[in-house]
């Protein structure tokens, strides 16, 4: 679990079975106080879910979660360091972030999902938190480019074998792909 006063470190967790392509995986933030999340002890997870399929039926599902207990957990993409913020600051943003922002265009609203929720937060707060998102689309406010960049990194969780330069595996089995 994270210490609310520590230096924030964010990851995007991907959950989806072998029959799903990475573009269909569920995305969630995992927040730590500087270390890696664990597969076997609770991690702070921030996510939205749409359990009934309705267009405006998104619900926040934040709290402690054991990643290894997720049935189809694939691994995480390690986001750039949050150099200018604390765990408490990031928690406040994630806990207060609307599950469906009111100011988004109708077309985006119809396509809203967990990935767009994460991208929206990264676009708004990543630079404030001191994250280096250069070259990903964030610097030009290009949501689609940032999404494609992150999705491309997530594909490595399926394509690469453990122990290759693209995949780092922690002692407890967490598979990590770097952001850059």
N, C-alpha and C. Protein backbone atom coordinates (compact mmCIF):
# COMPACT_ATOMS: atom_id res chain seq x y z
N UNK A 1 0.85 -1.17 0.00
CA UNK A 1 0.00 0.00 0.00
C UNK A 1 0.90 1.23 0.00
N UNK A 2 0.37 2.31 -0.50
CA UNK A 2 1.14 3.54 -0.62
C UNK A 2 1.07 4.39 0.63
N UNK A 3 2.14 5.11 0.85
CA UNK A 3 2.20 6.11 1.90
C UNK A 3 1.75 7.42 1.28
N UNK A 4 0.74 8.04 1.85
CA UNK A 4 0.16 9.25 1.27
C UNK A 4 1.16 10.39 1.14
N UNK A 5 2.28 10.34 1.85
CA UNK A 5 3.24 11.43 1.80
C UNK A 5 4.39 11.16 0.84
N UNK A 6 4.50 9.95 0.31
CA UNK A 6 5.63 9.59 -0.54
C UNK A 6 5.56 10.20 -1.93
N UNK A 7 6.63 9.97 -2.69
CA UNK A 7 6.67 10.41 -4.08
C UNK A 7 5.80 9.49 -4.92
N UNK A 8 4.92 10.07 -5.69
CA UNK A 8 3.96 9.29 -6.46
C UNK A 8 4.62 8.60 -7.66
N UNK A 9 4.19 7.38 -7.91
CA UNK A 9 4.58 6.63 -9.09
C UNK A 9 3.32 5.96 -9.63
N UNK A 10 3.03 6.20 -10.90
CA UNK A 10 1.81 5.67 -11.52
C UNK A 10 2.14 4.62 -12.58
N UNK A 11 1.25 3.65 -12.65
CA UNK A 11 1.32 2.58 -13.64
C UNK A 11 -0.08 2.44 -14.24
N UNK A 12 -0.16 1.89 -15.44
CA UNK A 12 -1.44 1.49 -16.00
C UNK A 12 -1.47 -0.03 -16.01
N UNK A 13 -2.45 -0.58 -15.31
CA UNK A 13 -2.63 -2.03 -15.25
C UNK A 13 -3.57 -2.46 -16.38
N UNK A 14 -3.29 -3.61 -16.96
CA UNK A 14 -4.10 -4.14 -18.06
C UNK A 14 -4.64 -5.51 -17.66
N UNK A 15 -5.96 -5.65 -17.80
CA UNK A 15 -6.64 -6.87 -17.42
C UNK A 15 -7.47 -7.35 -18.61
N UNK A 16 -7.23 -8.56 -19.06
CA UNK A 16 -7.98 -9.11 -20.19
C UNK A 16 -7.48 -10.49 -20.53
N UNK A 17 -8.37 -11.38 -20.86
CA UNK A 17 -8.02 -12.77 -21.11
C UNK A 17 -7.33 -13.01 -22.43
N UNK A 18 -6.88 -14.24 -22.65
CA UNK A 18 -6.15 -14.60 -23.87
C UNK A 18 -6.98 -14.47 -25.14
N UNK A 19 -8.29 -14.49 -25.01
CA UNK A 19 -9.13 -14.35 -26.21
C UNK A 19 -9.33 -12.89 -26.60
N UNK A 20 -8.90 -11.97 -25.73
CA UNK A 20 -9.05 -10.54 -26.03
C UNK A 20 -7.75 -9.98 -26.56
N UNK A 21 -7.89 -9.04 -27.49
CA UNK A 21 -6.74 -8.30 -27.99
C UNK A 21 -6.42 -7.18 -27.01
N UNK A 22 -5.18 -6.70 -26.97
CA UNK A 22 -4.83 -5.61 -26.05
C UNK A 22 -5.76 -4.39 -26.14
N UNK A 23 -6.29 -4.09 -27.32
CA UNK A 23 -7.20 -2.95 -27.46
C UNK A 23 -8.50 -3.16 -26.69
N UNK A 24 -8.80 -4.40 -26.32
CA UNK A 24 -10.03 -4.71 -25.57
C UNK A 24 -9.78 -4.85 -24.07
N UNK A 25 -8.54 -4.78 -23.64
CA UNK A 25 -8.21 -4.94 -22.24
C UNK A 25 -8.76 -3.80 -21.41
N UNK A 26 -9.03 -4.08 -20.15
CA UNK A 26 -9.44 -3.06 -19.19
C UNK A 26 -8.20 -2.33 -18.69
N UNK A 27 -8.30 -0.99 -18.59
CA UNK A 27 -7.20 -0.16 -18.11
C UNK A 27 -7.55 0.36 -16.72
N UNK A 28 -6.55 0.43 -15.83
CA UNK A 28 -6.72 1.01 -14.50
C UNK A 28 -5.40 1.62 -14.06
N UNK A 29 -5.48 2.70 -13.29
CA UNK A 29 -4.28 3.27 -12.68
C UNK A 29 -3.90 2.45 -11.45
N UNK A 30 -2.60 2.28 -11.23
CA UNK A 30 -2.08 1.73 -9.99
C UNK A 30 -1.10 2.78 -9.46
N UNK A 31 -1.30 3.17 -8.21
CA UNK A 31 -0.50 4.23 -7.59
C UNK A 31 0.34 3.65 -6.46
N UNK A 32 1.65 3.99 -6.48
CA UNK A 32 2.53 3.57 -5.39
C UNK A 32 3.29 4.78 -4.86
N UNK A 33 4.02 4.56 -3.78
CA UNK A 33 4.82 5.63 -3.19
C UNK A 33 6.28 5.53 -3.62
N UNK A 34 6.51 5.11 -4.83
CA UNK A 34 7.87 5.08 -5.37
C UNK A 34 8.34 3.71 -5.81
N UNK A 35 7.74 2.65 -5.29
CA UNK A 35 8.14 1.30 -5.66
C UNK A 35 7.22 0.72 -6.73
N UNK A 36 7.48 -0.54 -7.03
CA UNK A 36 6.61 -1.24 -7.97
C UNK A 36 5.39 -1.79 -7.24
N UNK A 37 4.28 -1.93 -7.94
CA UNK A 37 3.14 -2.63 -7.32
C UNK A 37 3.53 -4.09 -7.07
N UNK A 38 2.75 -4.75 -6.27
CA UNK A 38 3.00 -6.15 -5.95
C UNK A 38 1.89 -7.02 -6.52
N UNK A 39 2.24 -8.23 -6.87
CA UNK A 39 1.24 -9.20 -7.33
C UNK A 39 0.48 -9.81 -6.17
N UNK A 40 1.05 -9.76 -4.94
CA UNK A 40 0.48 -10.53 -3.84
C UNK A 40 0.07 -9.72 -2.61
N UNK A 41 0.34 -8.41 -2.61
CA UNK A 41 -0.14 -7.55 -1.53
C UNK A 41 -0.97 -6.43 -2.16
N UNK A 42 -1.87 -5.85 -1.40
CA UNK A 42 -2.77 -4.84 -1.98
C UNK A 42 -2.04 -3.64 -2.57
N UNK A 43 -2.52 -3.20 -3.72
CA UNK A 43 -2.07 -1.99 -4.39
C UNK A 43 -3.25 -1.04 -4.50
N UNK A 44 -2.96 0.26 -4.56
CA UNK A 44 -4.03 1.24 -4.75
C UNK A 44 -4.39 1.30 -6.23
N UNK A 45 -5.63 0.96 -6.55
CA UNK A 45 -6.10 0.90 -7.93
C UNK A 45 -7.24 1.89 -8.12
N UNK A 46 -7.17 2.64 -9.21
CA UNK A 46 -8.19 3.63 -9.56
C UNK A 46 -8.69 3.30 -10.96
N UNK A 47 -10.01 3.10 -11.08
CA UNK A 47 -10.56 2.68 -12.36
C UNK A 47 -12.03 3.07 -12.45
N UNK A 48 -12.53 3.02 -13.68
CA UNK A 48 -13.97 3.14 -13.89
C UNK A 48 -14.43 1.87 -14.58
N UNK A 49 -15.68 1.50 -14.30
CA UNK A 49 -16.26 0.31 -14.91
C UNK A 49 -17.69 0.61 -15.32
N UNK A 50 -18.11 -0.04 -16.37
CA UNK A 50 -19.48 0.07 -16.86
C UNK A 50 -20.08 -1.32 -16.81
N UNK A 51 -20.75 -1.62 -15.72
CA UNK A 51 -21.22 -2.98 -15.50
C UNK A 51 -22.51 -3.32 -16.22
N UNK A 52 -23.32 -2.32 -16.58
CA UNK A 52 -24.59 -2.65 -17.24
C UNK A 52 -24.62 -2.26 -18.72
N UNK A 53 -23.49 -1.71 -19.23
CA UNK A 53 -23.40 -1.42 -20.65
C UNK A 53 -24.06 -0.13 -21.09
N UNK A 54 -24.70 0.60 -20.20
CA UNK A 54 -25.34 1.86 -20.56
C UNK A 54 -24.31 2.94 -20.87
N UNK A 55 -24.66 3.84 -21.75
CA UNK A 55 -23.73 4.88 -22.19
C UNK A 55 -23.25 5.77 -21.03
N UNK A 56 -24.11 6.08 -20.11
CA UNK A 56 -23.76 6.94 -18.99
C UNK A 56 -23.73 6.18 -17.67
N UNK A 57 -23.40 4.91 -17.71
CA UNK A 57 -23.44 4.05 -16.52
C UNK A 57 -22.08 3.78 -15.91
N UNK A 58 -21.13 4.66 -16.12
CA UNK A 58 -19.79 4.46 -15.58
C UNK A 58 -19.77 4.73 -14.10
N UNK A 59 -19.03 3.90 -13.37
CA UNK A 59 -18.89 4.01 -11.92
C UNK A 59 -17.41 3.94 -11.55
N UNK A 60 -17.03 4.74 -10.57
CA UNK A 60 -15.66 4.68 -10.04
C UNK A 60 -15.53 3.43 -9.17
N UNK A 61 -14.44 2.73 -9.33
CA UNK A 61 -14.13 1.54 -8.53
C UNK A 61 -12.70 1.69 -8.02
N UNK A 62 -12.53 2.50 -6.99
CA UNK A 62 -11.20 2.78 -6.45
C UNK A 62 -11.00 2.03 -5.14
N UNK A 63 -9.77 1.62 -4.91
CA UNK A 63 -9.46 0.99 -3.63
C UNK A 63 -8.31 0.00 -3.75
N UNK A 64 -8.07 -0.70 -2.66
CA UNK A 64 -6.99 -1.68 -2.61
C UNK A 64 -7.38 -2.92 -3.39
N UNK A 65 -6.41 -3.45 -4.13
CA UNK A 65 -6.66 -4.62 -4.97
C UNK A 65 -5.37 -5.44 -5.04
N UNK A 66 -5.50 -6.75 -5.00
CA UNK A 66 -4.35 -7.63 -5.19
C UNK A 66 -4.32 -8.01 -6.66
N UNK A 67 -3.33 -7.50 -7.37
CA UNK A 67 -3.26 -7.68 -8.82
C UNK A 67 -3.23 -9.15 -9.22
N UNK A 68 -2.53 -9.97 -8.44
CA UNK A 68 -2.44 -11.40 -8.74
C UNK A 68 -3.76 -12.13 -8.63
N UNK A 69 -4.75 -11.52 -7.96
CA UNK A 69 -6.06 -12.15 -7.82
C UNK A 69 -6.98 -11.86 -9.01
N UNK A 70 -6.57 -10.95 -9.87
CA UNK A 70 -7.39 -10.66 -11.05
C UNK A 70 -7.25 -11.83 -12.02
N UNK A 71 -8.34 -12.30 -12.53
CA UNK A 71 -8.34 -13.50 -13.34
C UNK A 71 -7.54 -13.42 -14.62
N UNK A 72 -7.48 -12.26 -15.24
CA UNK A 72 -6.83 -12.14 -16.53
C UNK A 72 -5.83 -11.00 -16.57
N UNK A 73 -5.19 -10.75 -15.43
CA UNK A 73 -4.22 -9.66 -15.33
C UNK A 73 -3.03 -9.91 -16.25
N UNK A 74 -2.67 -8.92 -17.05
CA UNK A 74 -1.60 -9.06 -18.03
C UNK A 74 -0.27 -8.44 -17.58
N UNK A 75 -0.35 -7.34 -16.83
CA UNK A 75 0.85 -6.62 -16.42
C UNK A 75 0.58 -5.13 -16.40
N UNK A 76 1.66 -4.35 -16.27
CA UNK A 76 1.53 -2.90 -16.19
C UNK A 76 2.48 -2.21 -17.15
N UNK A 77 2.09 -1.00 -17.55
CA UNK A 77 2.99 -0.08 -18.23
C UNK A 77 3.38 0.96 -17.18
N UNK A 78 4.67 1.12 -16.99
CA UNK A 78 5.19 2.09 -16.02
C UNK A 78 5.17 3.47 -16.66
N UNK A 79 4.44 4.40 -16.07
CA UNK A 79 4.36 5.75 -16.60
C UNK A 79 5.59 6.56 -16.18
N UNK A 80 5.86 7.68 -16.87
CA UNK A 80 6.99 8.51 -16.47
C UNK A 80 6.84 8.98 -15.02
N UNK A 81 7.97 9.27 -14.39
CA UNK A 81 7.98 9.68 -13.00
C UNK A 81 7.13 10.92 -12.77
N UNK A 82 6.48 10.93 -11.62
CA UNK A 82 5.73 12.12 -11.16
C UNK A 82 6.70 12.93 -10.32
N UNK A 83 7.46 13.79 -10.96
CA UNK A 83 8.54 14.50 -10.27
C UNK A 83 8.08 15.66 -9.40
N UNK A 84 6.89 16.17 -9.65
CA UNK A 84 6.45 17.39 -8.98
C UNK A 84 5.23 17.19 -8.10
N UNK A 85 5.03 15.99 -7.55
CA UNK A 85 3.83 15.77 -6.77
C UNK A 85 4.02 14.65 -5.76
N UNK A 86 3.06 14.52 -4.87
CA UNK A 86 3.09 13.47 -3.85
C UNK A 86 1.97 12.48 -4.11
N UNK A 87 2.03 11.36 -3.41
CA UNK A 87 0.97 10.36 -3.50
C UNK A 87 -0.37 11.00 -3.13
N UNK A 88 -0.38 11.81 -2.08
CA UNK A 88 -1.63 12.44 -1.63
C UNK A 88 -2.23 13.32 -2.71
N UNK A 89 -1.39 14.07 -3.42
CA UNK A 89 -1.89 14.94 -4.50
C UNK A 89 -2.52 14.12 -5.62
N UNK A 90 -1.85 13.04 -6.01
CA UNK A 90 -2.37 12.20 -7.09
C UNK A 90 -3.65 11.51 -6.63
N UNK A 91 -3.67 11.02 -5.40
CA UNK A 91 -4.89 10.40 -4.87
C UNK A 91 -6.07 11.36 -4.92
N UNK A 92 -5.84 12.60 -4.52
CA UNK A 92 -6.92 13.58 -4.53
C UNK A 92 -7.48 13.79 -5.93
N UNK A 93 -6.61 13.84 -6.93
CA UNK A 93 -7.07 14.01 -8.32
C UNK A 93 -7.84 12.77 -8.77
N UNK A 94 -7.27 11.59 -8.57
CA UNK A 94 -7.91 10.36 -9.05
C UNK A 94 -9.23 10.10 -8.35
N UNK A 95 -9.30 10.36 -7.06
CA UNK A 95 -10.54 10.14 -6.32
C UNK A 95 -11.62 11.15 -6.72
N UNK A 96 -11.19 12.34 -7.15
CA UNK A 96 -12.15 13.37 -7.52
C UNK A 96 -12.46 13.47 -9.01
N UNK A 97 -11.73 12.71 -9.82
CA UNK A 97 -11.93 12.79 -11.28
C UNK A 97 -13.31 12.27 -11.66
N UNK A 98 -14.06 13.03 -12.45
CA UNK A 98 -15.37 12.54 -12.88
C UNK A 98 -15.23 11.29 -13.74
N UNK A 99 -16.15 10.36 -13.59
CA UNK A 99 -16.09 9.13 -14.39
C UNK A 99 -16.44 9.41 -15.85
N UNK A 100 -17.19 10.48 -16.08
CA UNK A 100 -17.57 10.88 -17.43
C UNK A 100 -17.64 12.41 -17.45
N UNK A 101 -16.56 13.06 -17.90
CA UNK A 101 -16.56 14.53 -17.90
C UNK A 101 -17.73 15.09 -18.70
N UNK A 102 -18.28 16.17 -18.22
CA UNK A 102 -19.45 16.78 -18.87
C UNK A 102 -19.10 17.56 -20.13
N UNK A 103 -17.86 18.00 -20.26
CA UNK A 103 -17.49 18.87 -21.38
C UNK A 103 -16.95 18.13 -22.60
N UNK A 104 -17.13 16.83 -22.67
CA UNK A 104 -16.61 16.08 -23.82
C UNK A 104 -17.64 16.07 -24.95
N UNK A 105 -17.18 16.03 -26.19
CA UNK A 105 -18.10 16.00 -27.34
C UNK A 105 -18.97 14.74 -27.32
N UNK A 106 -20.12 14.84 -27.95
CA UNK A 106 -21.09 13.73 -27.96
C UNK A 106 -20.49 12.45 -28.54
N UNK A 107 -19.70 12.55 -29.60
CA UNK A 107 -19.10 11.37 -30.21
C UNK A 107 -18.16 10.66 -29.24
N UNK A 108 -17.37 11.43 -28.53
CA UNK A 108 -16.45 10.85 -27.56
C UNK A 108 -17.25 10.24 -26.41
N UNK A 109 -18.31 10.90 -26.00
CA UNK A 109 -19.17 10.40 -24.93
C UNK A 109 -19.73 9.02 -25.27
N UNK A 110 -20.11 8.82 -26.51
CA UNK A 110 -20.65 7.52 -26.94
C UNK A 110 -19.59 6.43 -26.94
N UNK A 111 -18.33 6.82 -27.10
CA UNK A 111 -17.24 5.85 -27.16
C UNK A 111 -16.45 5.77 -25.85
N UNK A 112 -16.93 6.46 -24.81
CA UNK A 112 -16.19 6.56 -23.56
C UNK A 112 -15.88 5.19 -22.98
N UNK A 113 -14.68 5.05 -22.43
CA UNK A 113 -14.27 3.80 -21.80
C UNK A 113 -13.17 4.06 -20.78
N UNK A 114 -12.68 3.01 -20.16
CA UNK A 114 -11.66 3.15 -19.13
C UNK A 114 -10.36 3.73 -19.69
N UNK A 115 -10.00 3.39 -20.92
CA UNK A 115 -8.78 3.92 -21.52
C UNK A 115 -8.89 5.43 -21.72
N UNK A 116 -10.03 5.90 -22.22
CA UNK A 116 -10.21 7.34 -22.42
C UNK A 116 -10.21 8.09 -21.09
N UNK A 117 -10.74 7.48 -20.05
CA UNK A 117 -10.72 8.11 -18.73
C UNK A 117 -9.27 8.34 -18.28
N UNK A 118 -8.43 7.33 -18.46
CA UNK A 118 -7.02 7.45 -18.08
C UNK A 118 -6.31 8.47 -18.95
N UNK A 119 -6.53 8.43 -20.24
CA UNK A 119 -5.89 9.38 -21.15
C UNK A 119 -6.30 10.81 -20.81
N UNK A 120 -7.57 11.02 -20.52
CA UNK A 120 -8.07 12.35 -20.16
C UNK A 120 -7.35 12.88 -18.92
N UNK A 121 -7.18 12.04 -17.91
CA UNK A 121 -6.49 12.45 -16.69
C UNK A 121 -5.01 12.73 -16.98
N UNK A 122 -4.36 11.87 -17.75
CA UNK A 122 -2.95 12.09 -18.07
C UNK A 122 -2.74 13.38 -18.86
N UNK A 123 -3.64 13.67 -19.78
CA UNK A 123 -3.51 14.89 -20.58
C UNK A 123 -3.62 16.13 -19.70
N UNK A 124 -4.54 16.09 -18.75
CA UNK A 124 -4.75 17.26 -17.90
C UNK A 124 -3.72 17.37 -16.78
N UNK A 125 -3.41 16.26 -16.12
CA UNK A 125 -2.59 16.32 -14.91
C UNK A 125 -1.15 15.84 -15.09
N UNK A 126 -0.87 15.04 -16.11
CA UNK A 126 0.50 14.56 -16.31
C UNK A 126 1.53 15.67 -16.27
N UNK A 127 1.36 16.75 -17.05
CA UNK A 127 2.34 17.84 -17.00
C UNK A 127 2.40 18.52 -15.63
N UNK A 128 1.28 18.66 -14.96
CA UNK A 128 1.25 19.27 -13.62
C UNK A 128 2.02 18.39 -12.63
N UNK A 129 1.91 17.08 -12.79
CA UNK A 129 2.61 16.14 -11.91
C UNK A 129 4.09 16.01 -12.26
N UNK A 130 4.54 16.67 -13.33
CA UNK A 130 5.94 16.60 -13.73
C UNK A 130 6.29 15.41 -14.59
N UNK A 131 5.29 14.76 -15.18
CA UNK A 131 5.54 13.62 -16.06
C UNK A 131 6.10 14.09 -17.40
N UNK A 132 7.10 13.40 -17.91
CA UNK A 132 7.66 13.69 -19.23
C UNK A 132 6.89 12.87 -20.26
N UNK A 133 5.92 13.52 -20.91
CA UNK A 133 5.09 12.84 -21.91
C UNK A 133 5.47 13.27 -23.33
N UNK A 134 6.62 13.92 -23.50
CA UNK A 134 7.04 14.38 -24.82
C UNK A 134 7.11 13.22 -25.80
N UNK A 135 6.68 13.48 -27.02
CA UNK A 135 6.72 12.48 -28.08
C UNK A 135 5.56 11.52 -28.07
N UNK A 136 4.60 11.71 -27.17
CA UNK A 136 3.48 10.79 -27.06
C UNK A 136 2.16 11.38 -27.53
N UNK A 137 2.15 12.65 -27.90
CA UNK A 137 0.92 13.33 -28.28
C UNK A 137 0.41 14.26 -27.22
N UNK A 138 0.84 14.05 -25.98
CA UNK A 138 0.35 14.90 -24.89
C UNK A 138 0.80 16.34 -25.05
N UNK A 139 2.02 16.53 -25.57
CA UNK A 139 2.54 17.89 -25.71
C UNK A 139 1.74 18.69 -26.73
N UNK A 140 1.06 18.03 -27.66
CA UNK A 140 0.24 18.72 -28.65
C UNK A 140 -1.25 18.55 -28.37
N UNK A 141 -1.56 18.05 -27.15
CA UNK A 141 -2.95 17.85 -26.73
C UNK A 141 -3.68 16.88 -27.67
N UNK A 142 -2.96 15.87 -28.14
CA UNK A 142 -3.51 14.88 -29.06
C UNK A 142 -3.86 13.60 -28.30
N UNK A 143 -5.13 13.52 -27.88
CA UNK A 143 -5.60 12.38 -27.08
C UNK A 143 -5.39 11.06 -27.82
N UNK A 144 -5.72 11.06 -29.11
CA UNK A 144 -5.63 9.82 -29.89
C UNK A 144 -4.19 9.33 -29.96
N UNK A 145 -3.26 10.24 -30.20
CA UNK A 145 -1.85 9.84 -30.31
C UNK A 145 -1.34 9.27 -28.98
N UNK A 146 -1.71 9.90 -27.85
CA UNK A 146 -1.29 9.38 -26.55
C UNK A 146 -1.90 7.99 -26.31
N UNK A 147 -3.16 7.82 -26.66
CA UNK A 147 -3.81 6.52 -26.50
C UNK A 147 -3.15 5.43 -27.32
N UNK A 148 -2.81 5.75 -28.56
CA UNK A 148 -2.14 4.78 -29.43
C UNK A 148 -0.76 4.45 -28.89
N UNK A 149 -0.08 5.46 -28.36
CA UNK A 149 1.25 5.23 -27.79
C UNK A 149 1.17 4.25 -26.61
N UNK A 150 0.24 4.50 -25.68
CA UNK A 150 0.10 3.61 -24.52
C UNK A 150 -0.34 2.22 -24.96
N UNK A 151 -1.28 2.15 -25.88
CA UNK A 151 -1.74 0.85 -26.38
C UNK A 151 -0.57 0.08 -27.01
N UNK A 152 0.27 0.79 -27.75
CA UNK A 152 1.45 0.15 -28.34
C UNK A 152 2.36 -0.45 -27.30
N UNK A 153 2.54 0.26 -26.19
CA UNK A 153 3.36 -0.27 -25.09
C UNK A 153 2.69 -1.51 -24.49
N UNK A 154 1.35 -1.48 -24.35
CA UNK A 154 0.64 -2.62 -23.75
C UNK A 154 0.76 -3.88 -24.61
N UNK A 155 0.85 -3.72 -25.93
CA UNK A 155 1.01 -4.88 -26.81
C UNK A 155 2.25 -5.68 -26.44
N UNK A 156 3.26 -5.01 -25.90
CA UNK A 156 4.49 -5.71 -25.52
C UNK A 156 4.21 -6.77 -24.45
N UNK A 157 3.19 -6.54 -23.63
CA UNK A 157 2.86 -7.52 -22.59
C UNK A 157 2.43 -8.85 -23.19
N UNK A 158 1.87 -8.82 -24.36
CA UNK A 158 1.44 -10.05 -25.02
C UNK A 158 2.53 -10.59 -25.95
N UNK A 159 3.21 -9.70 -26.66
CA UNK A 159 4.12 -10.13 -27.72
C UNK A 159 5.48 -10.59 -27.23
N UNK A 160 6.00 -9.95 -26.21
CA UNK A 160 7.36 -10.23 -25.77
C UNK A 160 7.40 -11.34 -24.73
N UNK A 161 8.45 -12.09 -24.75
CA UNK A 161 8.68 -13.11 -23.74
C UNK A 161 9.26 -12.47 -22.49
N UNK A 162 8.93 -13.03 -21.35
CA UNK A 162 9.48 -12.52 -20.10
C UNK A 162 11.00 -12.55 -20.16
N UNK A 163 11.60 -11.52 -19.55
CA UNK A 163 13.05 -11.46 -19.50
C UNK A 163 13.69 -10.79 -20.69
N UNK A 164 12.92 -10.40 -21.69
CA UNK A 164 13.47 -9.68 -22.82
C UNK A 164 13.65 -8.23 -22.40
N UNK A 165 14.40 -7.44 -23.18
CA UNK A 165 14.60 -6.03 -22.81
C UNK A 165 13.28 -5.25 -22.68
N UNK A 166 12.25 -5.66 -23.35
CA UNK A 166 10.97 -4.95 -23.29
C UNK A 166 10.18 -5.22 -22.02
N UNK A 167 10.43 -6.36 -21.38
CA UNK A 167 9.66 -6.78 -20.21
C UNK A 167 10.58 -6.91 -19.01
N UNK A 168 10.19 -6.27 -17.94
CA UNK A 168 10.88 -6.46 -16.66
C UNK A 168 9.94 -7.27 -15.79
N UNK A 169 10.47 -8.24 -15.06
CA UNK A 169 9.64 -9.06 -14.18
C UNK A 169 10.18 -8.91 -12.77
N UNK A 170 9.31 -8.50 -11.84
CA UNK A 170 9.72 -8.35 -10.45
C UNK A 170 9.84 -9.72 -9.79
N UNK A 171 10.40 -9.74 -8.60
CA UNK A 171 10.60 -11.00 -7.87
C UNK A 171 9.29 -11.73 -7.63
N UNK A 172 8.17 -10.99 -7.50
CA UNK A 172 6.90 -11.67 -7.25
C UNK A 172 6.09 -11.90 -8.53
N UNK A 173 6.71 -11.69 -9.70
CA UNK A 173 6.08 -12.06 -10.97
C UNK A 173 5.35 -10.96 -11.71
N UNK A 174 5.41 -9.73 -11.23
CA UNK A 174 4.75 -8.63 -11.94
C UNK A 174 5.49 -8.31 -13.23
N UNK A 175 4.77 -8.31 -14.33
CA UNK A 175 5.34 -7.98 -15.64
C UNK A 175 5.17 -6.48 -15.89
N UNK A 176 6.31 -5.81 -16.22
CA UNK A 176 6.32 -4.36 -16.38
C UNK A 176 6.93 -4.00 -17.73
N UNK A 177 6.25 -3.12 -18.45
CA UNK A 177 6.79 -2.54 -19.68
C UNK A 177 7.01 -1.06 -19.40
N UNK A 178 8.18 -0.54 -19.76
CA UNK A 178 8.45 0.87 -19.53
C UNK A 178 7.66 1.73 -20.51
N UNK A 179 7.46 2.97 -20.16
CA UNK A 179 6.70 3.90 -20.98
C UNK A 179 7.48 4.34 -22.20
N UNK A 180 8.78 4.42 -22.09
CA UNK A 180 9.59 4.97 -23.17
C UNK A 180 10.33 3.89 -23.91
